[in-house]
Amino acid sequence: MGRGRQKAKHTKIARELKYDTYSPNFGALERELGHPDGSENEYVDKWADEYGDEDEDEADPSYPQRQQA
């Protein structure tokens, strides 16, 4: 494509984007972004049973205690 035709095509597209009004479909956008509506399951950590919480480790007497300054 020649430079003149290429520039004309870009100008046409720029004018369409600048002056045309589009009505956005917010429902489709919400579905695409995955807005939670309460029906989805919460995140479940599959490794939660493998390791204990950090708080439990500190309560363990065999856990090395930090010295207070």
PDB file of N, CA and C in Angstrom:
ATOM      1  N   MET A   1       0.854  -1.156   0.000  1.00  0.00           N
ATOM      2  CA  MET A   1       0.000   0.000   0.000  1.00  0.00           C
ATOM      3  C   MET A   1       0.910   1.232   0.000  1.00  0.00           C
ATOM      4  N   GLY A   2       0.591   2.194  -0.787  1.00  0.00           N
ATOM      5  CA  GLY A   2       1.387   3.415  -0.867  1.00  0.00           C
ATOM      6  C   GLY A   2       1.213   4.289   0.367  1.00  0.00           C
ATOM      7  N   ARG A   3       2.113   5.235   0.515  1.00  0.00           N
ATOM      8  CA  ARG A   3       2.092   6.108   1.688  1.00  0.00           C
ATOM      9  C   ARG A   3       0.824   6.957   1.757  1.00  0.00           C
ATOM     10  N   GLY A   4       0.341   7.446   0.626  1.00  0.00           N
ATOM     11  CA  GLY A   4      -0.877   8.260   0.611  1.00  0.00           C
ATOM     12  C   GLY A   4      -2.099   7.476   1.048  1.00  0.00           C
ATOM     13  N   ARG A   5      -2.212   6.260   0.554  1.00  0.00           N
ATOM     14  CA  ARG A   5      -3.360   5.432   0.915  1.00  0.00           C
ATOM     15  C   ARG A   5      -3.273   5.008   2.381  1.00  0.00           C
ATOM     16  N   GLN A   6      -2.065   4.749   2.839  1.00  0.00           N
ATOM     17  CA  GLN A   6      -1.869   4.346   4.232  1.00  0.00           C
ATOM     18  C   GLN A   6      -2.237   5.488   5.181  1.00  0.00           C
ATOM     19  N   LYS A   7      -1.809   6.707   4.821  1.00  0.00           N
ATOM     20  CA  LYS A   7      -2.114   7.868   5.650  1.00  0.00           C
ATOM     21  C   LYS A   7      -3.619   8.139   5.655  1.00  0.00           C
ATOM     22  N   ALA A   8      -4.267   7.986   4.516  1.00  0.00           N
ATOM     23  CA  ALA A   8      -5.708   8.203   4.435  1.00  0.00           C
ATOM     24  C   ALA A   8      -6.458   7.194   5.306  1.00  0.00           C
ATOM     25  N   LYS A   9      -5.980   5.964   5.308  1.00  0.00           N
ATOM     26  CA  LYS A   9      -6.626   4.933   6.118  1.00  0.00           C
ATOM     27  C   LYS A   9      -6.472   5.251   7.610  1.00  0.00           C
ATOM     28  N   HIS A  10      -5.274   5.671   8.021  1.00  0.00           N
ATOM     29  CA  HIS A  10      -5.042   6.024   9.413  1.00  0.00           C
ATOM     30  C   HIS A  10      -5.873   7.238   9.821  1.00  0.00           C
ATOM     31  N   THR A  11      -6.004   8.201   8.921  1.00  0.00           N
ATOM     32  CA  THR A  11      -6.811   9.388   9.205  1.00  0.00           C
ATOM     33  C   THR A  11      -8.274   9.007   9.384  1.00  0.00           C
ATOM     34  N   LYS A  12      -8.757   8.107   8.544  1.00  0.00           N
ATOM     35  CA  LYS A  12     -10.141   7.654   8.626  1.00  0.00           C
ATOM     36  C   LYS A  12     -10.400   6.960   9.965  1.00  0.00           C
ATOM     37  N   ILE A  13      -9.490   6.097  10.365  1.00  0.00           N
ATOM     38  CA  ILE A  13      -9.647   5.380  11.625  1.00  0.00           C
ATOM     39  C   ILE A  13      -9.585   6.347  12.801  1.00  0.00           C
ATOM     40  N   ALA A  14      -8.676   7.313  12.745  1.00  0.00           N
ATOM     41  CA  ALA A  14      -8.552   8.297  13.826  1.00  0.00           C
ATOM     42  C   ALA A  14      -9.820   9.115  13.964  1.00  0.00           C
ATOM     43  N   ARG A  15     -10.416   9.509  12.855  1.00  0.00           N
ATOM     44  CA  ARG A  15     -11.665  10.285  12.905  1.00  0.00           C
ATOM     45  C   ARG A  15     -12.798   9.449  13.476  1.00  0.00           C
ATOM     46  N   GLU A  16     -12.867   8.168  13.100  1.00  0.00           N
ATOM     47  CA  GLU A  16     -13.911   7.290  13.645  1.00  0.00           C
ATOM     48  C   GLU A  16     -13.777   7.177  15.155  1.00  0.00           C
ATOM     49  N   LEU A  17     -12.555   7.014  15.629  1.00  0.00           N
ATOM     50  CA  LEU A  17     -12.349   6.885  17.066  1.00  0.00           C
ATOM     51  C   LEU A  17     -12.650   8.179  17.803  1.00  0.00           C
ATOM     52  N   LYS A  18     -12.364   9.313  17.179  1.00  0.00           N
ATOM     53  CA  LYS A  18     -12.548  10.600  17.829  1.00  0.00           C
ATOM     54  C   LYS A  18     -14.006  11.036  17.870  1.00  0.00           C
ATOM     55  N   TYR A  19     -14.730  10.859  16.785  1.00  0.00           N
ATOM     56  CA  TYR A  19     -16.063  11.441  16.685  1.00  0.00           C
ATOM     57  C   TYR A  19     -17.217  10.475  16.872  1.00  0.00           C
ATOM     58  N   ASP A  20     -17.008   9.195  16.680  1.00  0.00           N
ATOM     59  CA  ASP A  20     -18.111   8.254  16.862  1.00  0.00           C
ATOM     60  C   ASP A  20     -18.349   8.015  18.345  1.00  0.00           C
ATOM     61  N   THR A  21     -19.611   7.873  18.689  1.00  0.00           N
ATOM     62  CA  THR A  21     -19.957   7.574  20.078  1.00  0.00           C
ATOM     63  C   THR A  21     -20.369   6.109  20.147  1.00  0.00           C
ATOM     64  N   TYR A  22     -19.812   5.458  21.108  1.00  0.00           N
ATOM     65  CA  TYR A  22     -20.118   4.042  21.308  1.00  0.00           C
ATOM     66  C   TYR A  22     -20.796   3.894  22.655  1.00  0.00           C
ATOM     67  N   SER A  23     -21.775   3.006  22.708  1.00  0.00           N
ATOM     68  CA  SER A  23     -22.419   2.728  23.995  1.00  0.00           C
ATOM     69  C   SER A  23     -21.794   1.456  24.557  1.00  0.00           C
ATOM     70  N   PRO A  24     -21.079   1.580  25.668  1.00  0.00           N
ATOM     71  CA  PRO A  24     -20.390   0.423  26.228  1.00  0.00           C
ATOM     72  C   PRO A  24     -21.373  -0.571  26.839  1.00  0.00           C
ATOM     73  N   ASN A  25     -21.035  -1.832  26.734  1.00  0.00           N
ATOM     74  CA  ASN A  25     -21.841  -2.894  27.320  1.00  0.00           C
ATOM     75  C   ASN A  25     -21.215  -3.245  28.667  1.00  0.00           C
ATOM     76  N   PHE A  26     -21.706  -2.612  29.728  1.00  0.00           N
ATOM     77  CA  PHE A  26     -21.113  -2.798  31.048  1.00  0.00           C
ATOM     78  C   PHE A  26     -21.345  -4.201  31.586  1.00  0.00           C
ATOM     79  N   GLY A  27     -22.436  -4.825  31.209  1.00  0.00           N
ATOM     80  CA  GLY A  27     -22.704  -6.191  31.667  1.00  0.00           C
ATOM     81  C   GLY A  27     -21.669  -7.172  31.135  1.00  0.00           C
ATOM     82  N   ALA A  28     -21.333  -7.040  29.851  1.00  0.00           N
ATOM     83  CA  ALA A  28     -20.328  -7.917  29.268  1.00  0.00           C
ATOM     84  C   ALA A  28     -18.953  -7.651  29.862  1.00  0.00           C
ATOM     85  N   LEU A  29     -18.655  -6.378  30.125  1.00  0.00           N
ATOM     86  CA  LEU A  29     -17.381  -6.026  30.731  1.00  0.00           C
ATOM     87  C   LEU A  29     -17.269  -6.601  32.143  1.00  0.00           C
ATOM     88  N   GLU A  30     -18.345  -6.541  32.893  1.00  0.00           N
ATOM     89  CA  GLU A  30     -18.353  -7.077  34.250  1.00  0.00           C
ATOM     90  C   GLU A  30     -18.132  -8.593  34.244  1.00  0.00           C
ATOM     91  N   ARG A  31     -18.771  -9.280  33.301  1.00  0.00           N
ATOM     92  CA  ARG A  31     -18.568 -10.735  33.191  1.00  0.00           C
ATOM     93  C   ARG A  31     -17.147 -11.064  32.784  1.00  0.00           C
ATOM     94  N   GLU A  32     -16.576 -10.280  31.874  1.00  0.00           N
ATOM     95  CA  GLU A  32     -15.226 -10.530  31.394  1.00  0.00           C
ATOM     96  C   GLU A  32     -14.190 -10.320  32.491  1.00  0.00           C
ATOM     97  N   LEU A  33     -14.405  -9.289  33.310  1.00  0.00           N
ATOM     98  CA  LEU A  33     -13.461  -9.011  34.385  1.00  0.00           C
ATOM     99  C   LEU A  33     -13.667  -9.926  35.582  1.00  0.00           C
ATOM    100  N   GLY A  34     -14.761 -10.659  35.601  1.00  0.00           N
ATOM    101  CA  GLY A  34     -15.000 -11.608  36.669  1.00  0.00           C
ATOM    102  C   GLY A  34     -15.414 -10.972  37.971  1.00  0.00           C
ATOM    103  N   HIS A  35     -16.291  -9.981  37.899  1.00  0.00           N
ATOM    104  CA  HIS A  35     -16.778  -9.323  39.106  1.00  0.00           C
ATOM    105  C   HIS A  35     -17.540 -10.343  39.953  1.00  0.00           C
ATOM    106  N   PRO A  36     -17.122 -10.532  41.213  1.00  0.00           N
ATOM    107  CA  PRO A  36     -17.805 -11.528  42.045  1.00  0.00           C
ATOM    108  C   PRO A  36     -19.213 -11.065  42.400  1.00  0.00           C
ATOM    109  N   ASP A  37     -20.149 -11.961  42.221  1.00  0.00           N
ATOM    110  CA  ASP A  37     -21.527 -11.636  42.549  1.00  0.00           C
ATOM    111  C   ASP A  37     -22.022 -12.485  43.717  1.00  0.00           C
ATOM    112  N   GLY A  38     -21.086 -13.141  44.412  1.00  0.00           N
ATOM    113  CA  GLY A  38     -21.463 -13.927  45.573  1.00  0.00           C
ATOM    114  C   GLY A  38     -21.720 -15.383  45.250  1.00  0.00           C
ATOM    115  N   SER A  39     -21.896 -15.738  43.995  1.00  0.00           N
ATOM    116  CA  SER A  39     -22.173 -17.123  43.643  1.00  0.00           C
ATOM    117  C   SER A  39     -20.905 -17.932  43.424  1.00  0.00           C
ATOM    118  N   GLU A  40     -19.762 -17.251  43.341  1.00  0.00           N
ATOM    119  CA  GLU A  40     -18.513 -17.960  43.113  1.00  0.00           C
ATOM    120  C   GLU A  40     -17.943 -18.450  44.436  1.00  0.00           C
ATOM    121  N   ASN A  41     -17.194 -19.536  44.387  1.00  0.00           N
ATOM    122  CA  ASN A  41     -16.565 -20.082  45.582  1.00  0.00           C
ATOM    123  C   ASN A  41     -15.386 -19.223  45.989  1.00  0.00           C
ATOM    124  N   GLU A  42     -15.138 -19.180  47.286  1.00  0.00           N
ATOM    125  CA  GLU A  42     -13.988 -18.468  47.801  1.00  0.00           C
ATOM    126  C   GLU A  42     -12.732 -19.274  47.506  1.00  0.00           C
ATOM    127  N   TYR A  43     -11.592 -18.604  47.538  1.00  0.00           N
ATOM    128  CA  TYR A  43     -10.312 -19.267  47.301  1.00  0.00           C
ATOM    129  C   TYR A  43     -10.036 -20.261  48.423  1.00  0.00           C
ATOM    130  N   VAL A  44      -9.651 -21.469  48.048  1.00  0.00           N
ATOM    131  CA  VAL A  44      -9.315 -22.502  49.016  1.00  0.00           C
ATOM    132  C   VAL A  44      -7.864 -22.872  48.803  1.00  0.00           C
ATOM    133  N   ASP A  45      -7.066 -22.755  49.864  1.00  0.00           N
ATOM    134  CA  ASP A  45      -5.648 -23.078  49.788  1.00  0.00           C
ATOM    135  C   ASP A  45      -5.482 -24.587  49.900  1.00  0.00           C
ATOM    136  N   LYS A  46      -4.986 -25.216  48.827  1.00  0.00           N
ATOM    137  CA  LYS A  46      -4.869 -26.668  48.831  1.00  0.00           C
ATOM    138  C   LYS A  46      -3.719 -27.153  49.710  1.00  0.00           C
ATOM    139  N   TRP A  47      -2.842 -26.251  50.125  1.00  0.00           N
ATOM    140  CA  TRP A  47      -1.712 -26.633  50.964  1.00  0.00           C
ATOM    141  C   TRP A  47      -1.946 -26.279  52.434  1.00  0.00           C
ATOM    142  N   ALA A  48      -3.107 -25.803  52.782  1.00  0.00           N
ATOM    143  CA  ALA A  48      -3.369 -25.357  54.141  1.00  0.00           C
ATOM    144  C   ALA A  48      -3.220 -26.489  55.154  1.00  0.00           C
ATOM    145  N   ASP A  49      -3.575 -27.712  54.779  1.00  0.00           N
ATOM    146  CA  ASP A  49      -3.468 -28.834  55.704  1.00  0.00           C
ATOM    147  C   ASP A  49      -2.045 -29.332  55.852  1.00  0.00           C
ATOM    148  N   GLU A  50      -1.188 -29.043  54.904  1.00  0.00           N
ATOM    149  CA  GLU A  50       0.187 -29.530  54.932  1.00  0.00           C
ATOM    150  C   GLU A  50       1.036 -28.808  55.961  1.00  0.00           C
ATOM    151  N   TYR A  51       0.822 -27.518  56.140  1.00  0.00           N
ATOM    152  CA  TYR A  51       1.661 -26.710  57.012  1.00  0.00           C
ATOM    153  C   TYR A  51       0.796 -25.998  58.038  1.00  0.00           C
ATOM    154  N   GLY A  52       1.327 -25.864  59.225  1.00  0.00           N
ATOM    155  CA  GLY A  52       0.605 -25.164  60.286  1.00  0.00           C
ATOM    156  C   GLY A  52       0.756 -23.668  60.135  1.00  0.00           C
ATOM    157  N   ASP A  53      -0.013 -22.952  60.925  1.00  0.00           N
ATOM    158  CA  ASP A  53       0.089 -21.499  60.921  1.00  0.00           C
ATOM    159  C   ASP A  53       1.350 -21.060  61.646  1.00  0.00           C
ATOM    160  N   GLU A  54       1.812 -19.860  61.357  1.00  0.00           N
ATOM    161  CA  GLU A  54       3.004 -19.333  62.023  1.00  0.00           C
ATOM    162  C   GLU A  54       2.752 -19.141  63.512  1.00  0.00           C
ATOM    163  N   ASP A  55       1.539 -18.772  63.891  1.00  0.00           N
ATOM    164  CA  ASP A  55       1.220 -18.556  65.294  1.00  0.00           C
ATOM    165  C   ASP A  55       1.349 -19.846  66.093  1.00  0.00           C
ATOM    166  N   GLU A  56       0.985 -20.966  65.499  1.00  0.00           N
ATOM    167  CA  GLU A  56       1.104 -22.250  66.174  1.00  0.00           C
ATOM    168  C   GLU A  56       2.562 -22.601  66.414  1.00  0.00           C
ATOM    169  N   ASP A  57       3.456 -22.236  65.496  1.00  0.00           N
ATOM    170  CA  ASP A  57       4.873 -22.539  65.653  1.00  0.00           C
ATOM    171  C   ASP A  57       5.453 -21.785  66.844  1.00  0.00           C
ATOM    172  N   GLU A  58       5.026 -20.559  67.058  1.00  0.00           N
ATOM    173  CA  GLU A  58       5.549 -19.768  68.164  1.00  0.00           C
ATOM    174  C   GLU A  58       5.064 -20.305  69.512  1.00  0.00           C
ATOM    175  N   ALA A  59       3.913 -20.931  69.558  1.00  0.00           N
ATOM    176  CA  ALA A  59       3.395 -21.497  70.791  1.00  0.00           C
ATOM    177  C   ALA A  59       4.075 -22.826  71.115  1.00  0.00           C
ATOM    178  N   ASP A  60       4.737 -23.443  70.171  1.00  0.00           N
ATOM    179  CA  ASP A  60       5.424 -24.712  70.356  1.00  0.00           C
ATOM    180  C   ASP A  60       6.656 -24.490  71.229  1.00  0.00           C
ATOM    181  N   PRO A  61       6.826 -25.255  72.330  1.00  0.00           N
ATOM    182  CA  PRO A  61       7.983 -25.050  73.202  1.00  0.00           C
ATOM    183  C   PRO A  61       9.318 -25.372  72.532  1.00  0.00           C
ATOM    184  N   SER A  62       9.345 -26.177  71.492  1.00  0.00           N
ATOM    185  CA  SER A  62      10.600 -26.498  70.826  1.00  0.00           C
ATOM    186  C   SER A  62      11.003 -25.424  69.819  1.00  0.00           C
ATOM    187  N   TYR A  63      10.117 -24.445  69.608  1.00  0.00           N
ATOM    188  CA  TYR A  63      10.399 -23.350  68.683  1.00  0.00           C
ATOM    189  C   TYR A  63      11.380 -22.387  69.341  1.00  0.00           C
ATOM    190  N   PRO A  64      12.493 -22.021  68.683  1.00  0.00           N
ATOM    191  CA  PRO A  64      13.449 -21.110  69.328  1.00  0.00           C
ATOM    192  C   PRO A  64      12.831 -19.746  69.584  1.00  0.00           C
ATOM    193  N   GLN A  65      12.977 -19.270  70.794  1.00  0.00           N
ATOM    194  CA  GLN A  65      12.391 -17.984  71.196  1.00  0.00           C
ATOM    195  C   GLN A  65      13.334 -16.841  70.830  1.00  0.00           C
ATOM    196  N   ARG A  66      12.760 -15.721  70.466  1.00  0.00           N
ATOM    197  CA  ARG A  66      13.548 -14.525  70.190  1.00  0.00           C
ATOM    198  C   ARG A  66      13.860 -13.826  71.509  1.00  0.00           C
ATOM    199  N   GLN A  67      15.026 -13.266  71.603  1.00  0.00           N
ATOM    200  CA  GLN A  67      15.377 -12.545  72.813  1.00  0.00           C
ATOM    201  C   GLN A  67      14.871 -11.117  72.713  1.00  0.00           C
ATOM    202  N   GLN A  68      14.296 -10.643  73.805  1.00  0.00           N
ATOM    203  CA  GLN A  68      13.782  -9.282  73.831  1.00  0.00           C
ATOM    204  C   GLN A  68      14.932  -8.312  74.071  1.00  0.00           C
ATOM    205  N   ALA A  69      14.947  -7.192  73.376  1.00  0.00           N
ATOM    206  CA  ALA A  69      16.041  -6.208  73.519  1.00  0.00           C
ATOM    207  C   ALA A  69      15.780  -5.250  74.627  1.00  0.00           C
TER     208      ALA A  69
END
